[in-house]
Amino acid sequence: MNNKMNVTASHWVLVVALLFAAFACYLLVEPYINSIVMAFILSLLMFPIHEWIERKLPKHKNIVALLSCIVLTFIIVMPLMLVFSAIVQQGPCSPRTCING
Protein backbone atom coordinates (compact mmCIF):
# COMPACT_ATOMS: atom_id res chain seq x y z
CA MET A 1 0.00 0.00 0.00
CA ASN A 2 1.43 3.26 -1.06
CA ASN A 3 -0.61 5.96 0.65
CA LYS A 4 1.24 9.19 0.10
CA MET A 5 -0.22 12.36 1.48
CA ASN A 6 0.08 15.46 -0.62
CA VAL A 7 1.09 18.50 1.40
CA THR A 8 -0.52 21.56 -0.04
CA ALA A 9 -0.20 25.25 0.72
CA SER A 10 -3.25 25.11 3.00
CA HIS A 11 -1.46 22.54 5.15
CA TRP A 12 1.49 24.90 5.58
CA VAL A 13 -0.87 27.72 6.54
CA LEU A 14 -2.38 25.50 9.22
CA VAL A 15 1.08 24.52 10.52
CA VAL A 16 2.14 28.17 10.71
CA ALA A 17 -1.12 29.09 12.46
CA LEU A 18 -0.59 26.25 14.93
CA LEU A 19 2.97 27.38 15.66
CA PHE A 20 1.78 30.96 16.12
CA ALA A 21 -0.97 29.81 18.51
CA ALA A 22 1.53 27.71 20.49
CA PHE A 23 3.86 30.70 20.78
CA ALA A 24 0.99 32.94 21.91
CA CYS A 25 0.04 30.38 24.57
CA TYR A 26 3.65 30.31 25.75
CA LEU A 27 3.66 34.11 26.03
CA LEU A 28 0.51 33.94 28.16
CA VAL A 29 1.90 31.29 30.52
CA GLU A 30 5.52 32.53 30.65
CA PRO A 31 5.09 34.94 33.60
CA TYR A 32 3.66 32.10 35.69
CA ILE A 33 6.15 29.33 34.88
CA ASN A 34 8.18 29.82 38.08
CA SER A 35 5.03 29.64 40.21
CA ILE A 36 3.78 26.58 38.37
CA VAL A 37 7.10 24.77 38.83
CA MET A 38 7.23 25.72 42.53
CA ALA A 39 3.66 24.49 43.05
CA PHE A 40 4.54 21.21 41.34
CA ILE A 41 7.62 20.74 43.54
CA LEU A 42 5.66 21.56 46.72
CA SER A 43 2.91 19.13 45.75
CA LEU A 44 5.48 16.37 45.24
CA LEU A 45 7.08 17.13 48.61
CA MET A 46 3.75 17.33 50.44
CA PHE A 47 2.25 14.15 48.98
CA PRO A 48 3.89 11.71 51.48
CA ILE A 49 2.79 13.89 54.40
CA HIS A 50 -0.75 14.03 53.00
CA GLU A 51 -0.80 10.24 52.55
CA TRP A 52 0.42 9.73 56.12
CA ILE A 53 -2.32 11.99 57.52
CA GLU A 54 -4.84 10.22 55.28
CA ARG A 55 -3.83 6.82 56.71
CA LYS A 56 -4.36 8.17 60.23
CA LEU A 57 -7.80 9.61 59.38
CA PRO A 58 -9.17 7.39 56.59
CA LYS A 59 -12.80 8.49 56.76
CA HIS A 60 -12.22 12.24 57.08
CA LYS A 61 -11.01 13.40 53.65
CA ASN A 62 -11.93 17.08 54.25
CA ILE A 63 -10.11 17.21 57.59
CA VAL A 64 -7.08 15.58 55.97
CA ALA A 65 -7.09 18.25 53.25
CA LEU A 66 -7.41 21.00 55.87
CA LEU A 67 -4.53 19.60 57.93
CA SER A 68 -2.36 19.27 54.83
CA CYS A 69 -3.06 22.90 53.92
CA ILE A 70 -2.23 24.02 57.45
CA VAL A 71 1.05 22.08 57.44
CA LEU A 72 1.96 23.53 54.04
CA THR A 73 1.11 27.03 55.24
CA PHE A 74 3.45 26.65 58.21
CA ILE A 75 6.17 25.24 55.95
CA ILE A 76 5.93 28.38 53.80
CA VAL A 77 5.08 31.04 56.40
CA MET A 78 7.61 30.18 59.12
CA PRO A 79 10.74 30.59 56.97
CA LEU A 80 9.29 33.77 55.48
CA MET A 81 8.73 35.20 58.96
CA LEU A 82 12.32 34.37 59.94
CA VAL A 83 13.71 36.02 56.81
CA PHE A 84 11.44 39.05 57.28
CA SER A 85 12.50 39.49 60.91
CA ALA A 86 16.18 39.28 59.89
CA ILE A 87 15.61 41.95 57.25
CA VAL A 88 13.81 44.21 59.72
CA GLN A 89 16.62 43.85 62.27
CA GLN A 90 19.18 44.95 59.68
CA GLY A 91 17.03 47.78 58.36
CA PRO A 92 17.99 51.44 58.29
CA CYS A 93 19.09 52.87 61.62
CA SER A 94 17.93 56.07 63.26
CA PRO A 95 20.35 59.03 63.54
CA ARG A 96 20.97 58.32 67.26
CA THR A 97 21.87 54.66 66.77
CA CYS A 98 24.00 54.99 63.63
CA ILE A 99 27.73 55.36 63.99
CA ASN A 100 28.95 58.24 61.88
CA GLY A 101 32.10 57.09 60.23
PDB file of N, CA and C in Angstrom:
ATOM      1  N   MET A   1       0.827  -1.178   0.000  1.00  0.00           N
ATOM      2  CA  MET A   1       0.000   0.000   0.000  1.00  0.00           C
ATOM      3  C   MET A   1       0.874   1.245   0.000  1.00  0.00           C
ATOM      4  N   ASN A   2       0.662   2.040  -0.938  1.00  0.00           N
ATOM      5  CA  ASN A   2       1.427   3.265  -1.064  1.00  0.00           C
ATOM      6  C   ASN A   2       0.480   4.443  -0.887  1.00  0.00           C
ATOM      7  N   ASN A   3       0.282   4.836   0.359  1.00  0.00           N
ATOM      8  CA  ASN A   3      -0.606   5.961   0.654  1.00  0.00           C
ATOM      9  C   ASN A   3       0.233   7.196   0.926  1.00  0.00           C
ATOM     10  N   LYS A   4       0.494   7.958  -0.086  1.00  0.00           N
ATOM     11  CA  LYS A   4       1.236   9.193   0.095  1.00  0.00           C
ATOM     12  C   LYS A   4       0.257  10.318   0.309  1.00  0.00           C
ATOM     13  N   MET A   5       0.632  11.204   1.211  1.00  0.00           N
ATOM     14  CA  MET A   5      -0.225  12.356   1.478  1.00  0.00           C
ATOM     15  C   MET A   5       0.392  13.566   0.805  1.00  0.00           C
ATOM     16  N   ASN A   6      -0.391  14.267   0.055  1.00  0.00           N
ATOM     17  CA  ASN A   6       0.084  15.461  -0.616  1.00  0.00           C
ATOM     18  C   ASN A   6      -0.030  16.646   0.335  1.00  0.00           C
ATOM     19  N   VAL A   7       1.076  17.321   0.554  1.00  0.00           N
ATOM     20  CA  VAL A   7       1.092  18.498   1.400  1.00  0.00           C
ATOM     21  C   VAL A   7       0.886  19.709   0.507  1.00  0.00           C
ATOM     22  N   THR A   8      -0.197  20.392   0.771  1.00  0.00           N
ATOM     23  CA  THR A   8      -0.521  21.560  -0.043  1.00  0.00           C
ATOM     24  C   THR A   8      -0.227  22.830   0.728  1.00  0.00           C
ATOM     25  N   ALA A   9      -0.450  23.947   0.088  1.00  0.00           N
ATOM     26  CA  ALA A   9      -0.200  25.249   0.717  1.00  0.00           C
ATOM     27  C   ALA A   9      -1.123  25.458   1.919  1.00  0.00           C
ATOM     28  N   SER A  10      -2.331  24.934   1.866  1.00  0.00           N
ATOM     29  CA  SER A  10      -3.252  25.106   3.000  1.00  0.00           C
ATOM     30  C   SER A  10      -2.748  24.355   4.240  1.00  0.00           C
ATOM     31  N   HIS A  11      -2.050  23.253   4.012  1.00  0.00           N
ATOM     32  CA  HIS A  11      -1.463  22.543   5.146  1.00  0.00           C
ATOM     33  C   HIS A  11      -0.397  23.403   5.816  1.00  0.00           C
ATOM     34  N   TRP A  12       0.436  24.050   5.022  1.00  0.00           N
ATOM     35  CA  TRP A  12       1.488  24.896   5.578  1.00  0.00           C
ATOM     36  C   TRP A  12       0.895  26.091   6.318  1.00  0.00           C
ATOM     37  N   VAL A  13      -0.197  26.615   5.839  1.00  0.00           N
ATOM     38  CA  VAL A  13      -0.865  27.723   6.538  1.00  0.00           C
ATOM     39  C   VAL A  13      -1.359  27.243   7.896  1.00  0.00           C
ATOM     40  N   LEU A  14      -1.907  26.051   7.948  1.00  0.00           N
ATOM     41  CA  LEU A  14      -2.379  25.499   9.222  1.00  0.00           C
ATOM     42  C   LEU A  14      -1.216  25.241  10.181  1.00  0.00           C
ATOM     43  N   VAL A  15      -0.099  24.761   9.670  1.00  0.00           N
ATOM     44  CA  VAL A  15       1.079  24.521  10.517  1.00  0.00           C
ATOM     45  C   VAL A  15       1.598  25.836  11.081  1.00  0.00           C
ATOM     46  N   VAL A  16       1.674  26.857  10.244  1.00  0.00           N
ATOM     47  CA  VAL A  16       2.141  28.167  10.710  1.00  0.00           C
ATOM     48  C   VAL A  16       1.171  28.742  11.731  1.00  0.00           C
ATOM     49  N   ALA A  17      -0.127  28.592  11.504  1.00  0.00           N
ATOM     50  CA  ALA A  17      -1.120  29.086  12.462  1.00  0.00           C
ATOM     51  C   ALA A  17      -1.009  28.333  13.788  1.00  0.00           C
ATOM     52  N   LEU A  18      -0.754  27.037  13.712  1.00  0.00           N
ATOM     53  CA  LEU A  18      -0.587  26.246  14.933  1.00  0.00           C
ATOM     54  C   LEU A  18       0.655  26.677  15.702  1.00  0.00           C
ATOM     55  N   LEU A  19       1.750  26.909  15.002  1.00  0.00           N
ATOM     56  CA  LEU A  19       2.974  27.381  15.661  1.00  0.00           C
ATOM     57  C   LEU A  19       2.765  28.761  16.285  1.00  0.00           C
ATOM     58  N   PHE A  20       2.064  29.633  15.579  1.00  0.00           N
ATOM     59  CA  PHE A  20       1.784  30.957  16.121  1.00  0.00           C
ATOM     60  C   PHE A  20       0.910  30.859  17.382  1.00  0.00           C
ATOM     61  N   ALA A  21      -0.100  29.990  17.342  1.00  0.00           N
ATOM     62  CA  ALA A  21      -0.969  29.810  18.511  1.00  0.00           C
ATOM     63  C   ALA A  21      -0.191  29.229  19.689  1.00  0.00           C
ATOM     64  N   ALA A  22       0.712  28.282  19.416  1.00  0.00           N
ATOM     65  CA  ALA A  22       1.525  27.706  20.494  1.00  0.00           C
ATOM     66  C   ALA A  22       2.430  28.770  21.101  1.00  0.00           C
ATOM     67  N   PHE A  23       3.016  29.628  20.273  1.00  0.00           N
ATOM     68  CA  PHE A  23       3.864  30.702  20.777  1.00  0.00           C
ATOM     69  C   PHE A  23       3.057  31.701  21.597  1.00  0.00           C
ATOM     70  N   ALA A  24       1.848  32.024  21.153  1.00  0.00           N
ATOM     71  CA  ALA A  24       0.986  32.938  21.906  1.00  0.00           C
ATOM     72  C   ALA A  24       0.610  32.333  23.260  1.00  0.00           C
ATOM     73  N   CYS A  25       0.338  31.044  23.288  1.00  0.00           N
ATOM     74  CA  CYS A  25       0.038  30.375  24.568  1.00  0.00           C
ATOM     75  C   CYS A  25       1.244  30.424  25.489  1.00  0.00           C
ATOM     76  N   TYR A  26       2.429  30.216  24.933  1.00  0.00           N
ATOM     77  CA  TYR A  26       3.649  30.306  25.746  1.00  0.00           C
ATOM     78  C   TYR A  26       3.801  31.711  26.331  1.00  0.00           C
ATOM     79  N   LEU A  27       3.547  32.735  25.529  1.00  0.00           N
ATOM     80  CA  LEU A  27       3.664  34.105  26.031  1.00  0.00           C
ATOM     81  C   LEU A  27       2.662  34.385  27.152  1.00  0.00           C
ATOM     82  N   LEU A  28       1.496  33.765  27.097  1.00  0.00           N
ATOM     83  CA  LEU A  28       0.508  33.944  28.162  1.00  0.00           C
ATOM     84  C   LEU A  28       0.927  33.255  29.459  1.00  0.00           C
ATOM     85  N   VAL A  29       1.553  32.092  29.350  1.00  0.00           N
ATOM     86  CA  VAL A  29       1.900  31.290  30.520  1.00  0.00           C
ATOM     87  C   VAL A  29       3.272  31.671  31.085  1.00  0.00           C
ATOM     88  N   GLU A  30       4.124  32.268  30.277  1.00  0.00           N
ATOM     89  CA  GLU A  30       5.521  32.526  30.650  1.00  0.00           C
ATOM     90  C   GLU A  30       5.694  33.264  31.977  1.00  0.00           C
ATOM     91  N   PRO A  31       4.885  34.275  32.307  1.00  0.00           N
ATOM     92  CA  PRO A  31       5.088  34.937  33.602  1.00  0.00           C
ATOM     93  C   PRO A  31       4.805  34.031  34.811  1.00  0.00           C
ATOM     94  N   TYR A  32       4.071  32.960  34.592  1.00  0.00           N
ATOM     95  CA  TYR A  32       3.655  32.100  35.693  1.00  0.00           C
ATOM     96  C   TYR A  32       4.440  30.792  35.768  1.00  0.00           C
ATOM     97  N   ILE A  33       5.430  30.605  34.922  1.00  0.00           N
ATOM     98  CA  ILE A  33       6.148  29.326  34.878  1.00  0.00           C
ATOM     99  C   ILE A  33       6.856  29.042  36.199  1.00  0.00           C
ATOM    100  N   ASN A  34       7.494  30.049  36.798  1.00  0.00           N
ATOM    101  CA  ASN A  34       8.176  29.818  38.078  1.00  0.00           C
ATOM    102  C   ASN A  34       7.193  29.377  39.153  1.00  0.00           C
ATOM    103  N   SER A  35       6.040  30.018  39.214  1.00  0.00           N
ATOM    104  CA  SER A  35       5.031  29.641  40.212  1.00  0.00           C
ATOM    105  C   SER A  35       4.492  28.241  39.957  1.00  0.00           C
ATOM    106  N   ILE A  36       4.290  27.904  38.712  1.00  0.00           N
ATOM    107  CA  ILE A  36       3.781  26.575  38.372  1.00  0.00           C
ATOM    108  C   ILE A  36       4.793  25.498  38.766  1.00  0.00           C
ATOM    109  N   VAL A  37       6.062  25.736  38.472  1.00  0.00           N
ATOM    110  CA  VAL A  37       7.102  24.767  38.831  1.00  0.00           C
ATOM    111  C   VAL A  37       7.208  24.634  40.353  1.00  0.00           C
ATOM    112  N   MET A  38       7.160  25.768  41.066  1.00  0.00           N
ATOM    113  CA  MET A  38       7.229  25.715  42.534  1.00  0.00           C
ATOM    114  C   MET A  38       6.029  24.973  43.114  1.00  0.00           C
ATOM    115  N   ALA A  39       4.841  25.208  42.580  1.00  0.00           N
ATOM    116  CA  ALA A  39       3.658  24.486  43.055  1.00  0.00           C
ATOM    117  C   ALA A  39       3.786  22.989  42.799  1.00  0.00           C
ATOM    118  N   PHE A  40       4.342  22.624  41.653  1.00  0.00           N
ATOM    119  CA  PHE A  40       4.543  21.205  41.340  1.00  0.00           C
ATOM    120  C   PHE A  40       5.527  20.570  42.316  1.00  0.00           C
ATOM    121  N   ILE A  41       6.615  21.267  42.604  1.00  0.00           N
ATOM    122  CA  ILE A  41       7.617  20.743  43.539  1.00  0.00           C
ATOM    123  C   ILE A  41       7.021  20.611  44.939  1.00  0.00           C
ATOM    124  N   LEU A  42       6.288  21.630  45.391  1.00  0.00           N
ATOM    125  CA  LEU A  42       5.663  21.561  46.716  1.00  0.00           C
ATOM    126  C   LEU A  42       4.642  20.431  46.795  1.00  0.00           C
ATOM    127  N   SER A  43       3.895  20.220  45.722  1.00  0.00           N
ATOM    128  CA  SER A  43       2.914  19.127  45.754  1.00  0.00           C
ATOM    129  C   SER A  43       3.605  17.775  45.836  1.00  0.00           C
ATOM    130  N   LEU A  44       4.734  17.622  45.142  1.00  0.00           N
ATOM    131  CA  LEU A  44       5.478  16.366  45.243  1.00  0.00           C
ATOM    132  C   LEU A  44       6.053  16.159  46.637  1.00  0.00           C
ATOM    133  N   LEU A  45       6.516  17.250  47.261  1.00  0.00           N
ATOM    134  CA  LEU A  45       7.081  17.134  48.608  1.00  0.00           C
ATOM    135  C   LEU A  45       6.005  16.906  49.667  1.00  0.00           C
ATOM    136  N   MET A  46       4.817  17.456  49.454  1.00  0.00           N
ATOM    137  CA  MET A  46       3.750  17.329  50.445  1.00  0.00           C
ATOM    138  C   MET A  46       2.970  16.022  50.326  1.00  0.00           C
ATOM    139  N   PHE A  47       3.065  15.340  49.196  1.00  0.00           N
ATOM    140  CA  PHE A  47       2.249  14.146  48.985  1.00  0.00           C
ATOM    141  C   PHE A  47       2.480  13.060  50.035  1.00  0.00           C
ATOM    142  N   PRO A  48       3.724  12.737  50.428  1.00  0.00           N
ATOM    143  CA  PRO A  48       3.893  11.711  51.478  1.00  0.00           C
ATOM    144  C   PRO A  48       3.286  12.139  52.813  1.00  0.00           C
ATOM    145  N   ILE A  49       3.385  13.410  53.150  1.00  0.00           N
ATOM    146  CA  ILE A  49       2.787  13.892  54.401  1.00  0.00           C
ATOM    147  C   ILE A  49       1.271  13.772  54.326  1.00  0.00           C
ATOM    148  N   HIS A  50       0.707  14.133  53.184  1.00  0.00           N
ATOM    149  CA  HIS A  50      -0.747  14.026  53.002  1.00  0.00           C
ATOM    150  C   HIS A  50      -1.201  12.569  53.085  1.00  0.00           C
ATOM    151  N   GLU A  51      -0.455  11.669  52.471  1.00  0.00           N
ATOM    152  CA  GLU A  51      -0.802  10.244  52.551  1.00  0.00           C
ATOM    153  C   GLU A  51      -0.728   9.730  53.983  1.00  0.00           C
ATOM    154  N   TRP A  52       0.283  10.180  54.736  1.00  0.00           N
ATOM    155  CA  TRP A  52       0.423   9.734  56.125  1.00  0.00           C
ATOM    156  C   TRP A  52      -0.768  10.208  56.950  1.00  0.00           C
ATOM    157  N   ILE A  53      -1.155  11.471  56.790  1.00  0.00           N
ATOM    158  CA  ILE A  53      -2.321  11.986  57.519  1.00  0.00           C
ATOM    159  C   ILE A  53      -3.578  11.248  57.082  1.00  0.00           C
ATOM    160  N   GLU A  54      -3.664  10.928  55.791  1.00  0.00           N
ATOM    161  CA  GLU A  54      -4.839  10.219  55.275  1.00  0.00           C
ATOM    162  C   GLU A  54      -4.934   8.798  55.846  1.00  0.00           C
ATOM    163  N   ARG A  55      -3.799   8.158  56.078  1.00  0.00           N
ATOM    164  CA  ARG A  55      -3.831   6.817  56.706  1.00  0.00           C
ATOM    165  C   ARG A  55      -4.285   6.901  58.154  1.00  0.00           C
ATOM    166  N   LYS A  56      -3.946   8.009  58.831  1.00  0.00           N
ATOM    167  CA  LYS A  56      -4.356   8.165  60.229  1.00  0.00           C
ATOM    168  C   LYS A  56      -5.841   8.489  60.352  1.00  0.00           C
ATOM    169  N   LEU A  57      -6.388   9.226  59.365  1.00  0.00           N
ATOM    170  CA  LEU A  57      -7.803   9.615  59.381  1.00  0.00           C
ATOM    171  C   LEU A  57      -8.466   9.176  58.073  1.00  0.00           C
ATOM    172  N   PRO A  58      -8.713   7.878  57.901  1.00  0.00           N
ATOM    173  CA  PRO A  58      -9.166   7.394  56.587  1.00  0.00           C
ATOM    174  C   PRO A  58     -10.566   7.851  56.171  1.00  0.00           C
ATOM    175  N   LYS A  59     -11.421   8.144  57.117  1.00  0.00           N
ATOM    176  CA  LYS A  59     -12.804   8.490  56.763  1.00  0.00           C
ATOM    177  C   LYS A  59     -13.066   9.994  56.771  1.00  0.00           C
ATOM    178  N   HIS A  60     -12.044  10.786  56.962  1.00  0.00           N
ATOM    179  CA  HIS A  60     -12.216  12.244  57.078  1.00  0.00           C
ATOM    180  C   HIS A  60     -11.367  12.951  56.023  1.00  0.00           C
ATOM    181  N   LYS A  61     -11.792  12.847  54.762  1.00  0.00           N
ATOM    182  CA  LYS A  61     -11.007  13.405  53.655  1.00  0.00           C
ATOM    183  C   LYS A  61     -10.888  14.928  53.750  1.00  0.00           C
ATOM    184  N   ASN A  62     -11.971  15.616  54.164  1.00  0.00           N
ATOM    185  CA  ASN A  62     -11.928  17.080  54.254  1.00  0.00           C
ATOM    186  C   ASN A  62     -10.994  17.547  55.366  1.00  0.00           C
ATOM    187  N   ILE A  63     -11.002  16.852  56.488  1.00  0.00           N
ATOM    188  CA  ILE A  63     -10.112  17.215  57.593  1.00  0.00           C
ATOM    189  C   ILE A  63      -8.656  16.957  57.193  1.00  0.00           C
ATOM    190  N   VAL A  64      -8.426  15.880  56.455  1.00  0.00           N
ATOM    191  CA  VAL A  64      -7.076  15.584  55.971  1.00  0.00           C
ATOM    192  C   VAL A  64      -6.598  16.699  55.047  1.00  0.00           C
ATOM    193  N   ALA A  65      -7.464  17.159  54.158  1.00  0.00           N
ATOM    194  CA  ALA A  65      -7.093  18.252  53.255  1.00  0.00           C
ATOM    195  C   ALA A  65      -6.809  19.527  54.033  1.00  0.00           C
ATOM    196  N   LEU A  66      -7.623  19.814  55.038  1.00  0.00           N
ATOM    197  CA  LEU A  66      -7.407  21.003  55.869  1.00  0.00           C
ATOM    198  C   LEU A  66      -6.080  20.913  56.605  1.00  0.00           C
ATOM    199  N   LEU A  67      -5.795  19.767  57.207  1.00  0.00           N
ATOM    200  CA  LEU A  67      -4.533  19.603  57.929  1.00  0.00           C
ATOM    201  C   LEU A  67      -3.327  19.709  56.989  1.00  0.00           C
ATOM    202  N   SER A  68      -3.455  19.158  55.795  1.00  0.00           N
ATOM    203  CA  SER A  68      -2.361  19.270  54.827  1.00  0.00           C
ATOM    204  C   SER A  68      -2.127  20.723  54.437  1.00  0.00           C
ATOM    205  N   CYS A  69      -3.199  21.474  54.249  1.00  0.00           N
ATOM    206  CA  CYS A  69      -3.062  22.900  53.916  1.00  0.00           C
ATOM    207  C   CYS A  69      -2.436  23.678  55.064  1.00  0.00           C
ATOM    208  N   ILE A  70      -2.810  23.341  56.291  1.00  0.00           N
ATOM    209  CA  ILE A  70      -2.230  24.025  57.454  1.00  0.00           C
ATOM    210  C   ILE A  70      -0.734  23.709  57.560  1.00  0.00           C
ATOM    211  N   VAL A  71      -0.368  22.456  57.383  1.00  0.00           N
ATOM    212  CA  VAL A  71       1.055  22.080  57.438  1.00  0.00           C
ATOM    213  C   VAL A  71       1.826  22.807  56.345  1.00  0.00           C
ATOM    214  N   LEU A  72       1.293  22.847  55.136  1.00  0.00           N
ATOM    215  CA  LEU A  72       1.961  23.533  54.036  1.00  0.00           C
ATOM    216  C   LEU A  72       2.079  25.026  54.299  1.00  0.00           C
ATOM    217  N   THR A  73       1.055  25.604  54.902  1.00  0.00           N
ATOM    218  CA  THR A  73       1.111  27.028  55.242  1.00  0.00           C
ATOM    219  C   THR A  73       2.228  27.296  56.236  1.00  0.00           C
ATOM    220  N   PHE A  74       2.367  26.451  57.244  1.00  0.00           N
ATOM    221  CA  PHE A  74       3.449  26.649  58.207  1.00  0.00           C
ATOM    222  C   PHE A  74       4.818  26.422  57.571  1.00  0.00           C
ATOM    223  N   ILE A  75       4.898  25.482  56.631  1.00  0.00           N
ATOM    224  CA  ILE A  75       6.167  25.245  55.949  1.00  0.00           C
ATOM    225  C   ILE A  75       6.578  26.472  55.148  1.00  0.00           C
ATOM    226  N   ILE A  76       5.618  27.181  54.593  1.00  0.00           N
ATOM    227  CA  ILE A  76       5.927  28.376  53.795  1.00  0.00           C
ATOM    228  C   ILE A  76       6.050  29.611  54.671  1.00  0.00           C
ATOM    229  N   VAL A  77       5.147  29.791  55.631  1.00  0.00           N
ATOM    230  CA  VAL A  77       5.084  31.037  56.402  1.00  0.00           C
ATOM    231  C   VAL A  77       6.219  31.155  57.418  1.00  0.00           C
ATOM    232  N   MET A  78       6.570  30.083  58.089  1.00  0.00           N
ATOM    233  CA  MET A  78       7.608  30.175  59.124  1.00  0.00           C
ATOM    234  C   MET A  78       8.960  30.644  58.576  1.00  0.00           C
ATOM    235  N   PRO A  79       9.479  30.058  57.503  1.00  0.00           N
ATOM    236  CA  PRO A  79      10.743  30.590  56.971  1.00  0.00           C
ATOM    237  C   PRO A  79      10.621  32.031  56.487  1.00  0.00           C
ATOM    238  N   LEU A  80       9.479  32.386  55.915  1.00  0.00           N
ATOM    239  CA  LEU A  80       9.295  33.769  55.476  1.00  0.00           C
ATOM    240  C   LEU A  80       9.311  34.732  56.658  1.00  0.00           C
ATOM    241  N   MET A  81       8.712  34.334  57.771  1.00  0.00           N
ATOM    242  CA  MET A  81       8.733  35.195  58.961  1.00  0.00           C
ATOM    243  C   MET A  81      10.150  35.349  59.493  1.00  0.00           C
ATOM    244  N   LEU A  82      10.935  34.281  59.484  1.00  0.00           N
ATOM    245  CA  LEU A  82      12.317  34.373  59.943  1.00  0.00           C
ATOM    246  C   LEU A  82      13.145  35.288  59.045  1.00  0.00           C
ATOM    247  N   VAL A  83      12.977  35.158  57.747  1.00  0.00           N
ATOM    248  CA  VAL A  83      13.708  36.023  56.815  1.00  0.00           C
ATOM    249  C   VAL A  83      13.261  37.474  56.978  1.00  0.00           C
ATOM    250  N   PHE A  84      11.958  37.696  57.112  1.00  0.00           N
ATOM    251  CA  PHE A  84      11.441  39.048  57.277  1.00  0.00           C
ATOM    252  C   PHE A  84      11.965  39.684  58.564  1.00  0.00           C
ATOM    253  N   SER A  85      12.003  38.925  59.651  1.00  0.00           N
ATOM    254  CA  SER A  85      12.503  39.487  60.910  1.00  0.00           C
ATOM    255  C   SER A  85      13.996  39.806  60.803  1.00  0.00           C
ATOM    256  N   ALA A  86      14.755  38.989  60.090  1.00  0.00           N
ATOM    257  CA  ALA A  86      16.182  39.278  59.893  1.00  0.00           C
ATOM    258  C   ALA A  86      16.369  40.541  59.061  1.00  0.00           C
ATOM    259  N   ILE A  87      15.519  40.734  58.067  1.00  0.00           N
ATOM    260  CA  ILE A  87      15.610  41.946  57.251  1.00  0.00           C
ATOM    261  C   ILE A  87      15.252  43.171  58.064  1.00  0.00           C
ATOM    262  N   VAL A  88      14.226  43.067  58.901  1.00  0.00           N
ATOM    263  CA  VAL A  88      13.809  44.209  59.723  1.00  0.00           C
ATOM    264  C   VAL A  88      14.903  44.564  60.721  1.00  0.00           C
ATOM    265  N   GLN A  89      15.558  43.570  61.294  1.00  0.00           N
ATOM    266  CA  GLN A  89      16.617  43.847  62.267  1.00  0.00           C
ATOM    267  C   GLN A  89      17.809  44.537  61.622  1.00  0.00           C
ATOM    268  N   GLN A  90      18.048  44.318  60.358  1.00  0.00           N
ATOM    269  CA  GLN A  90      19.177  44.948  59.680  1.00  0.00           C
ATOM    270  C   GLN A  90      18.742  46.148  58.850  1.00  0.00           C
ATOM    271  N   GLY A  91      17.555  46.654  59.108  1.00  0.00           N
ATOM    272  CA  GLY A  91      17.028  47.783  58.363  1.00  0.00           C
ATOM    273  C   GLY A  91      17.778  49.073  58.653  1.00  0.00           C
ATOM    274  N   PRO A  92      17.304  50.157  58.087  1.00  0.00           N
ATOM    275  CA  PRO A  92      17.990  51.441  58.292  1.00  0.00           C
ATOM    276  C   PRO A  92      17.942  51.857  59.765  1.00  0.00           C
ATOM    277  N   CYS A  93      19.007  52.487  60.214  1.00  0.00           N
ATOM    278  CA  CYS A  93      19.086  52.871  61.616  1.00  0.00           C
ATOM    279  C   CYS A  93      18.677  54.339  61.772  1.00  0.00           C
ATOM    280  N   SER A  94      18.293  54.676  62.977  1.00  0.00           N
ATOM    281  CA  SER A  94      17.932  56.070  63.259  1.00  0.00           C
ATOM    282  C   SER A  94      19.220  56.875  63.462  1.00  0.00           C
ATOM    283  N   PRO A  95      19.155  58.220  63.392  1.00  0.00           N
ATOM    284  CA  PRO A  95      20.352  59.035  63.542  1.00  0.00           C
ATOM    285  C   PRO A  95      21.058  58.820  64.888  1.00  0.00           C
ATOM    286  N   ARG A  96      20.328  58.501  65.950  1.00  0.00           N
ATOM    287  CA  ARG A  96      20.966  58.324  67.262  1.00  0.00           C
ATOM    288  C   ARG A  96      21.722  57.014  67.368  1.00  0.00           C
ATOM    289  N   THR A  97      21.241  55.966  66.644  1.00  0.00           N
ATOM    290  CA  THR A  97      21.874  54.655  66.772  1.00  0.00           C
ATOM    291  C   THR A  97      22.946  54.408  65.723  1.00  0.00           C
ATOM    292  N   CYS A  98      22.986  55.174  64.666  1.00  0.00           N
ATOM    293  CA  CYS A  98      23.997  54.989  63.625  1.00  0.00           C
ATOM    294  C   CYS A  98      25.328  55.556  64.070  1.00  0.00           C
ATOM    295  N   ILE A  99      26.376  54.881  63.701  1.00  0.00           N
ATOM    296  CA  ILE A  99      27.733  55.364  63.993  1.00  0.00           C
ATOM    297  C   ILE A  99      28.204  56.158  62.784  1.00  0.00           C
ATOM    298  N   ASN A 100      28.482  57.408  62.983  1.00  0.00           N
ATOM    299  CA  ASN A 100      28.952  58.241  61.884  1.00  0.00           C
ATOM    300  C   ASN A 100      30.430  57.962  61.665  1.00  0.00           C
ATOM    301  N   GLY A 101      30.725  57.469  60.499  1.00  0.00           N
ATOM    302  CA  GLY A 101      32.096  57.090  60.226  1.00  0.00           C
ATOM    303  C   GLY A 101      32.696  58.008  59.293  1.00  0.00           C
TER     304      GLY A 101
END
